[in-house]
Amino acid sequence: MTNTELPWLQPVVLSGTAVRLVPLSMDHLAPLQTAVADGELWKLWYTNVATVGGMAGEIERRLKLQDAGAMLPFTVIETATNEPVGMTTYMNVDSVAKRVEIGSTWYRKRVQRTAINSTCKLLLLEHAFEALGVIAVEIRTAFFNAQSRRAIEALGAKLDGILRNHMLYRDGTPRDTCVYSILPNEWPAVKAHLLWRLERHAA
C-alpha cells in the first residue's frame, strides 16, 4: 500500500504538557478499569461510560470501529504519573468531506476540572485542523449534561442545534442531543483562547 492509499485517519501520538494521547490498546485495560472506578462514572445516568467489568468490551468496540474507519480512539495518559486517566476519540469520521466529531470522552474524577480536558481538546483540535485539514469539528453531548455543555461552550464551540429524541438513554428514555461545532475560520481564536486558559492554569 502506498502513502496515497493509506486511510485518511491514522493512529498517532499527540503530546502536550499535561497529557499524551496514545492509540487505545487492550494493554490499557487494567489502568482504565482503575480510572473509571474513580467516581464510579457509569452511575451518571445521562452518560454512557463503561463499568469496570464492561471496560474490555468497550475497548474492543472502539477498536472495531477504528478498523472500520469510523473512529480513532485514544487513551489519555497523565504525564505527571504516566498513568491512563481516561479515553477520548475522533468519531463519526467522514473521510470524504474530512469532518470528525470529538466524543466518547471520559476522565477519572481526580483529574476532572484540571488542565487535562483543555489540553486534550487543544491537541485533538490542533491535529484535526492543522494536520488533517478538516472542514469542521463537531462535539455533541446530552441536553442534561450541564457540565459537559459548559465545557464545550467554554472552548468557543457554537451550538448548531438540538436533536430532539435523537437516541435513547440506557434506561430507555429519549435523549435530546446538543450539537456544537468549530469551523476552520474559528480555529485561530479558539486556539488562542485555549492556550490562554492553559497559561492561566499553569500560573
C-alpha atoms as a PDB file:
ATOM      1  CA  MET A   1       0.000   0.000   0.000  1.00  0.00           C
ATOM      2  CA  THR A   2       1.401   3.404  -0.998  1.00  0.00           C
ATOM      3  CA  ASN A   3       1.123   6.512   1.134  1.00  0.00           C
ATOM      4  CA  THR A   4      -1.637   7.833  -1.137  1.00  0.00           C
ATOM      5  CA  GLU A   5      -3.693   4.688  -0.420  1.00  0.00           C
ATOM      6  CA  LEU A   6      -3.470   4.945   3.361  1.00  0.00           C
ATOM      7  CA  PRO A   7      -6.722   5.717   5.196  1.00  0.00           C
ATOM      8  CA  TRP A   8      -7.138   9.415   5.921  1.00  0.00           C
ATOM      9  CA  LEU A   9      -7.214   8.949   9.695  1.00  0.00           C
ATOM     10  CA  GLN A  10      -4.132   7.154  11.050  1.00  0.00           C
ATOM     11  CA  PRO A  11      -3.205   6.274  14.665  1.00  0.00           C
ATOM     12  CA  VAL A  12      -0.942   8.974  16.088  1.00  0.00           C
ATOM     13  CA  VAL A  13       0.528  10.080  19.420  1.00  0.00           C
ATOM     14  CA  LEU A  14      -0.386  13.655  20.407  1.00  0.00           C
ATOM     15  CA  SER A  15       1.705  15.149  23.215  1.00  0.00           C
ATOM     16  CA  GLY A  16       1.063  18.126  25.470  1.00  0.00           C
ATOM     17  CA  THR A  17       2.355  19.374  28.806  1.00  0.00           C
ATOM     18  CA  ALA A  18      -0.321  17.701  30.945  1.00  0.00           C
ATOM     19  CA  VAL A  19      -1.208  14.684  28.818  1.00  0.00           C
ATOM     20  CA  ARG A  20      -0.286  12.390  25.980  1.00  0.00           C
ATOM     21  CA  LEU A  21      -2.952  10.935  23.738  1.00  0.00           C
ATOM     22  CA  VAL A  22      -1.834   7.497  22.594  1.00  0.00           C
ATOM     23  CA  PRO A  23      -3.612   4.928  20.411  1.00  0.00           C
ATOM     24  CA  LEU A  24      -6.041   2.889  22.510  1.00  0.00           C
ATOM     25  CA  SER A  25      -4.886  -0.650  23.210  1.00  0.00           C
ATOM     26  CA  MET A  26      -6.141  -3.630  25.174  1.00  0.00           C
ATOM     27  CA  ASP A  27      -2.862  -3.264  27.101  1.00  0.00           C
ATOM     28  CA  HIS A  28      -4.512  -0.266  28.795  1.00  0.00           C
ATOM     29  CA  LEU A  29      -7.372  -2.356  30.216  1.00  0.00           C
ATOM     30  CA  ALA A  30      -6.320  -2.631  33.875  1.00  0.00           C
ATOM     31  CA  PRO A  31      -5.384   1.038  34.416  1.00  0.00           C
ATOM     32  CA  LEU A  32      -8.526   2.184  32.592  1.00  0.00           C
ATOM     33  CA  GLN A  33     -10.593  -0.025  34.907  1.00  0.00           C
ATOM     34  CA  THR A  34      -8.906   1.675  37.845  1.00  0.00           C
ATOM     35  CA  ALA A  35      -9.550   5.095  36.306  1.00  0.00           C
ATOM     36  CA  VAL A  36     -13.253   4.561  35.610  1.00  0.00           C
ATOM     37  CA  ALA A  37     -13.761   3.305  39.177  1.00  0.00           C
ATOM     38  CA  ASP A  38     -12.626   6.709  40.478  1.00  0.00           C
ATOM     39  CA  GLY A  39     -16.002   8.377  40.863  1.00  0.00           C
ATOM     40  CA  GLU A  40     -17.947   5.370  39.536  1.00  0.00           C
ATOM     41  CA  LEU A  41     -18.514   7.326  36.347  1.00  0.00           C
ATOM     42  CA  TRP A  42     -21.033   4.882  34.898  1.00  0.00           C
ATOM     43  CA  LYS A  43     -23.544   5.963  37.579  1.00  0.00           C
ATOM     44  CA  LEU A  44     -24.158   9.314  35.847  1.00  0.00           C
ATOM     45  CA  TRP A  45     -27.455   8.412  34.176  1.00  0.00           C
ATOM     46  CA  TYR A  46     -27.078  10.895  31.299  1.00  0.00           C
ATOM     47  CA  THR A  47     -23.691   9.489  30.208  1.00  0.00           C
ATOM     48  CA  ASN A  48     -22.677   6.209  28.602  1.00  0.00           C
ATOM     49  CA  VAL A  49     -19.431   5.277  30.355  1.00  0.00           C
ATOM     50  CA  ALA A  50     -18.391   1.635  30.684  1.00  0.00           C
ATOM     51  CA  THR A  51     -18.353  -0.076  34.051  1.00  0.00           C
ATOM     52  CA  VAL A  52     -15.199  -1.729  35.389  1.00  0.00           C
ATOM     53  CA  GLY A  53     -16.491  -5.082  34.164  1.00  0.00           C
ATOM     54  CA  GLY A  54     -17.536  -3.662  30.810  1.00  0.00           C
ATOM     55  CA  MET A  55     -14.257  -1.903  30.031  1.00  0.00           C
ATOM     56  CA  ALA A  56     -12.785  -4.770  27.980  1.00  0.00           C
ATOM     57  CA  GLY A  57     -15.877  -4.807  25.784  1.00  0.00           C
ATOM     58  CA  GLU A  58     -15.753  -1.026  25.388  1.00  0.00           C
ATOM     59  CA  ILE A  59     -12.111  -1.121  24.284  1.00  0.00           C
ATOM     60  CA  GLU A  60     -12.961  -3.899  21.829  1.00  0.00           C
ATOM     61  CA  ARG A  61     -15.925  -1.889  20.485  1.00  0.00           C
ATOM     62  CA  ARG A  62     -13.793   1.169  19.868  1.00  0.00           C
ATOM     63  CA  LEU A  63     -11.032  -0.823  18.195  1.00  0.00           C
ATOM     64  CA  LYS A  64     -13.561  -2.470  15.861  1.00  0.00           C
ATOM     65  CA  LEU A  65     -14.853   0.969  14.870  1.00  0.00           C
ATOM     66  CA  GLN A  66     -11.238   2.005  14.234  1.00  0.00           C
ATOM     67  CA  ASP A  67     -10.780  -0.994  11.938  1.00  0.00           C
ATOM     68  CA  ALA A  68     -13.922   0.068  10.077  1.00  0.00           C
ATOM     69  CA  GLY A  69     -12.551   3.605   9.608  1.00  0.00           C
ATOM     70  CA  ALA A  70     -15.311   5.172  11.719  1.00  0.00           C
ATOM     71  CA  MET A  71     -13.306   6.073  14.835  1.00  0.00           C
ATOM     72  CA  LEU A  72      -9.797   6.845  16.042  1.00  0.00           C
ATOM     73  CA  PRO A  73      -9.710   6.098  19.800  1.00  0.00           C
ATOM     74  CA  PHE A  74      -7.117   7.391  22.250  1.00  0.00           C
ATOM     75  CA  THR A  75      -6.094   6.595  25.805  1.00  0.00           C
ATOM     76  CA  VAL A  76      -5.457   9.756  27.833  1.00  0.00           C
ATOM     77  CA  ILE A  77      -2.125   9.441  29.669  1.00  0.00           C
ATOM     78  CA  GLU A  78      -1.416  11.881  32.506  1.00  0.00           C
ATOM     79  CA  THR A  79       2.222  12.936  32.048  1.00  0.00           C
ATOM     80  CA  ALA A  80       2.813  13.584  35.755  1.00  0.00           C
ATOM     81  CA  THR A  81       2.025   9.968  36.665  1.00  0.00           C
ATOM     82  CA  ASN A  82       2.370   8.246  33.277  1.00  0.00           C
ATOM     83  CA  GLU A  83      -0.960   6.568  34.026  1.00  0.00           C
ATOM     84  CA  PRO A  84      -4.119   6.301  31.881  1.00  0.00           C
ATOM     85  CA  VAL A  85      -6.805   8.631  33.255  1.00  0.00           C
ATOM     86  CA  GLY A  86      -9.469   8.384  30.571  1.00  0.00           C
ATOM     87  CA  MET A  87     -10.414   7.910  26.940  1.00  0.00           C
ATOM     88  CA  THR A  88     -11.351  10.147  24.031  1.00  0.00           C
ATOM     89  CA  THR A  89     -11.894   9.693  20.282  1.00  0.00           C
ATOM     90  CA  TYR A  90     -12.347  11.086  16.850  1.00  0.00           C
ATOM     91  CA  MET A  91     -15.676   9.516  15.893  1.00  0.00           C
ATOM     92  CA  ASN A  92     -18.365   9.615  13.198  1.00  0.00           C
ATOM     93  CA  VAL A  93     -15.491  10.050  10.774  1.00  0.00           C
ATOM     94  CA  ASP A  94     -16.345  11.371   7.300  1.00  0.00           C
ATOM     95  CA  SER A  95     -13.151  10.815   5.316  1.00  0.00           C
ATOM     96  CA  VAL A  96     -14.682  12.177   2.088  1.00  0.00           C
ATOM     97  CA  ALA A  97     -15.831  15.534   3.443  1.00  0.00           C
ATOM     98  CA  LYS A  98     -12.995  15.480   6.024  1.00  0.00           C
ATOM     99  CA  ARG A  99     -15.151  16.040   9.050  1.00  0.00           C
ATOM    100  CA  VAL A 100     -14.866  14.487  12.527  1.00  0.00           C
ATOM    101  CA  GLU A 101     -16.582  14.538  15.875  1.00  0.00           C
ATOM    102  CA  ILE A 102     -14.658  14.625  19.155  1.00  0.00           C
ATOM    103  CA  GLY A 103     -16.517  12.471  21.634  1.00  0.00           C
ATOM    104  CA  SER A 104     -16.879   9.328  23.743  1.00  0.00           C
ATOM    105  CA  THR A 105     -14.697  11.157  26.268  1.00  0.00           C
ATOM    106  CA  TRP A 106     -14.415  10.473  29.981  1.00  0.00           C
ATOM    107  CA  TYR A 107     -11.832  11.221  32.687  1.00  0.00           C
ATOM    108  CA  ARG A 108     -11.385   9.809  36.147  1.00  0.00           C
ATOM    109  CA  LYS A 109     -12.817  12.040  38.882  1.00  0.00           C
ATOM    110  CA  ARG A 110      -9.395  13.055  40.243  1.00  0.00           C
ATOM    111  CA  VAL A 111      -8.403  14.880  37.035  1.00  0.00           C
ATOM    112  CA  GLN A 112     -11.752  16.478  36.230  1.00  0.00           C
ATOM    113  CA  ARG A 113     -11.713  20.301  36.285  1.00  0.00           C
ATOM    114  CA  THR A 114      -7.934  20.315  35.776  1.00  0.00           C
ATOM    115  CA  ALA A 115      -5.860  21.197  32.708  1.00  0.00           C
ATOM    116  CA  ILE A 116      -6.392  17.675  31.348  1.00  0.00           C
ATOM    117  CA  ASN A 117      -9.558  18.338  29.354  1.00  0.00           C
ATOM    118  CA  SER A 118      -8.397  21.648  27.881  1.00  0.00           C
ATOM    119  CA  THR A 119      -5.094  20.071  26.854  1.00  0.00           C
ATOM    120  CA  CYS A 120      -6.831  17.093  25.250  1.00  0.00           C
ATOM    121  CA  LYS A 121      -9.164  19.349  23.281  1.00  0.00           C
ATOM    122  CA  LEU A 122      -6.243  21.536  22.186  1.00  0.00           C
ATOM    123  CA  LEU A 123      -4.299  18.512  20.925  1.00  0.00           C
ATOM    124  CA  LEU A 124      -7.274  16.989  19.118  1.00  0.00           C
ATOM    125  CA  LEU A 125      -8.425  20.249  17.544  1.00  0.00           C
ATOM    126  CA  GLU A 126      -4.894  21.216  16.509  1.00  0.00           C
ATOM    127  CA  HIS A 127      -4.352  17.857  14.806  1.00  0.00           C
ATOM    128  CA  ALA A 128      -7.779  17.977  13.141  1.00  0.00           C
ATOM    129  CA  PHE A 129      -7.430  21.466  11.686  1.00  0.00           C
ATOM    130  CA  GLU A 130      -3.675  21.722  11.105  1.00  0.00           C
ATOM    131  CA  ALA A 131      -2.745  18.158  10.113  1.00  0.00           C
ATOM    132  CA  LEU A 132      -5.958  16.574   8.822  1.00  0.00           C
ATOM    133  CA  GLY A 133      -7.432  19.696   7.218  1.00  0.00           C
ATOM    134  CA  VAL A 134     -10.994  19.105   8.397  1.00  0.00           C
ATOM    135  CA  ILE A 135     -13.875  21.318   7.288  1.00  0.00           C
ATOM    136  CA  ALA A 136     -15.471  21.116  10.742  1.00  0.00           C
ATOM    137  CA  VAL A 137     -15.076  19.502  14.136  1.00  0.00           C
ATOM    138  CA  GLU A 138     -18.303  18.509  15.838  1.00  0.00           C
ATOM    139  CA  ILE A 139     -18.847  17.971  19.564  1.00  0.00           C
ATOM    140  CA  ARG A 140     -22.075  16.500  20.938  1.00  0.00           C
ATOM    141  CA  THR A 141     -23.453  15.992  24.411  1.00  0.00           C
ATOM    142  CA  ALA A 142     -26.684  15.124  26.169  1.00  0.00           C
ATOM    143  CA  PHE A 143     -29.019  18.024  26.921  1.00  0.00           C
ATOM    144  CA  PHE A 144     -28.965  17.207  30.647  1.00  0.00           C
ATOM    145  CA  ASN A 145     -25.160  17.051  30.844  1.00  0.00           C
ATOM    146  CA  ALA A 146     -24.778  20.645  32.013  1.00  0.00           C
ATOM    147  CA  GLN A 147     -21.106  20.210  32.984  1.00  0.00           C
ATOM    148  CA  SER A 148     -20.213  18.973  29.509  1.00  0.00           C
ATOM    149  CA  ARG A 149     -22.241  21.716  27.809  1.00  0.00           C
ATOM    150  CA  ARG A 150     -20.452  24.415  29.823  1.00  0.00           C
ATOM    151  CA  ALA A 151     -17.051  22.908  28.969  1.00  0.00           C
ATOM    152  CA  ILE A 152     -17.867  22.742  25.243  1.00  0.00           C
ATOM    153  CA  GLU A 153     -19.146  26.314  25.185  1.00  0.00           C
ATOM    154  CA  ALA A 154     -16.043  27.457  27.077  1.00  0.00           C
ATOM    155  CA  LEU A 155     -13.953  26.082  24.203  1.00  0.00           C
ATOM    156  CA  GLY A 156     -15.653  28.524  21.855  1.00  0.00           C
ATOM    157  CA  ALA A 157     -17.738  25.936  20.004  1.00  0.00           C
ATOM    158  CA  LYS A 158     -21.046  27.191  18.621  1.00  0.00           C
ATOM    159  CA  LEU A 159     -24.378  25.443  19.195  1.00  0.00           C
ATOM    160  CA  ASP A 160     -25.701  24.233  15.831  1.00  0.00           C
ATOM    161  CA  GLY A 161     -28.921  22.950  17.345  1.00  0.00           C
ATOM    162  CA  ILE A 162     -30.586  20.294  19.464  1.00  0.00           C
ATOM    163  CA  LEU A 163     -31.573  16.931  18.007  1.00  0.00           C
ATOM    164  CA  ARG A 164     -34.850  16.079  19.736  1.00  0.00           C
ATOM    165  CA  ASN A 165     -35.338  12.407  20.712  1.00  0.00           C
ATOM    166  CA  HIS A 166     -32.034  11.738  18.975  1.00  0.00           C
ATOM    167  CA  MET A 167     -31.261   8.495  20.801  1.00  0.00           C
ATOM    168  CA  LEU A 168     -32.109   6.592  23.965  1.00  0.00           C
ATOM    169  CA  TYR A 169     -30.526   6.730  27.399  1.00  0.00           C
ATOM    170  CA  ARG A 170     -29.546   3.427  28.977  1.00  0.00           C
ATOM    171  CA  ASP A 171     -32.873   3.313  30.821  1.00  0.00           C
ATOM    172  CA  GLY A 172     -34.760   3.614  27.533  1.00  0.00           C
ATOM    173  CA  THR A 173     -35.904   7.225  27.886  1.00  0.00           C
ATOM    174  CA  PRO A 174     -35.390   9.529  24.877  1.00  0.00           C
ATOM    175  CA  ARG A 175     -32.297  11.722  24.812  1.00  0.00           C
ATOM    176  CA  ASP A 176     -32.042  15.187  23.284  1.00  0.00           C
ATOM    177  CA  THR A 177     -28.542  15.787  21.898  1.00  0.00           C
ATOM    178  CA  CYS A 178     -26.881  19.222  21.752  1.00  0.00           C
ATOM    179  CA  VAL A 179     -24.726  19.561  18.624  1.00  0.00           C
ATOM    180  CA  TYR A 180     -21.817  22.028  18.620  1.00  0.00           C
ATOM    181  CA  SER A 181     -19.132  22.696  16.029  1.00  0.00           C
ATOM    182  CA  ILE A 182     -15.939  24.621  15.348  1.00  0.00           C
ATOM    183  CA  LEU A 183     -15.056  25.718  11.800  1.00  0.00           C
ATOM    184  CA  PRO A 184     -11.596  26.356  10.289  1.00  0.00           C
ATOM    185  CA  ASN A 185     -12.014  30.148  10.302  1.00  0.00           C
ATOM    186  CA  GLU A 186     -12.875  29.983  14.013  1.00  0.00           C
ATOM    187  CA  TRP A 187      -9.931  27.774  14.950  1.00  0.00           C
ATOM    188  CA  PRO A 188      -7.261  30.519  15.381  1.00  0.00           C
ATOM    189  CA  ALA A 189      -9.362  32.330  18.012  1.00  0.00           C
ATOM    190  CA  VAL A 190     -10.352  29.060  19.709  1.00  0.00           C
ATOM    191  CA  LYS A 191      -6.695  28.007  19.824  1.00  0.00           C
ATOM    192  CA  ALA A 192      -5.587  31.348  21.265  1.00  0.00           C
ATOM    193  CA  HIS A 193      -8.275  31.105  23.941  1.00  0.00           C
ATOM    194  CA  LEU A 194      -7.298  27.524  24.857  1.00  0.00           C
ATOM    195  CA  LEU A 195      -3.626  28.479  25.140  1.00  0.00           C
ATOM    196  CA  TRP A 196      -4.561  31.451  27.324  1.00  0.00           C
ATOM    197  CA  ARG A 197      -6.626  29.239  29.618  1.00  0.00           C
ATOM    198  CA  LEU A 198      -3.786  26.748  29.945  1.00  0.00           C
ATOM    199  CA  GLU A 199      -1.266  29.516  30.704  1.00  0.00           C
ATOM    200  CA  ARG A 200      -3.569  30.843  33.445  1.00  0.00           C
ATOM    201  CA  HIS A 201      -3.948  27.337  34.865  1.00  0.00           C
ATOM    202  CA  ALA A 202      -0.176  26.846  34.963  1.00  0.00           C
ATOM    203  CA  ALA A 203       0.449  30.207  36.638  1.00  0.00           C
END
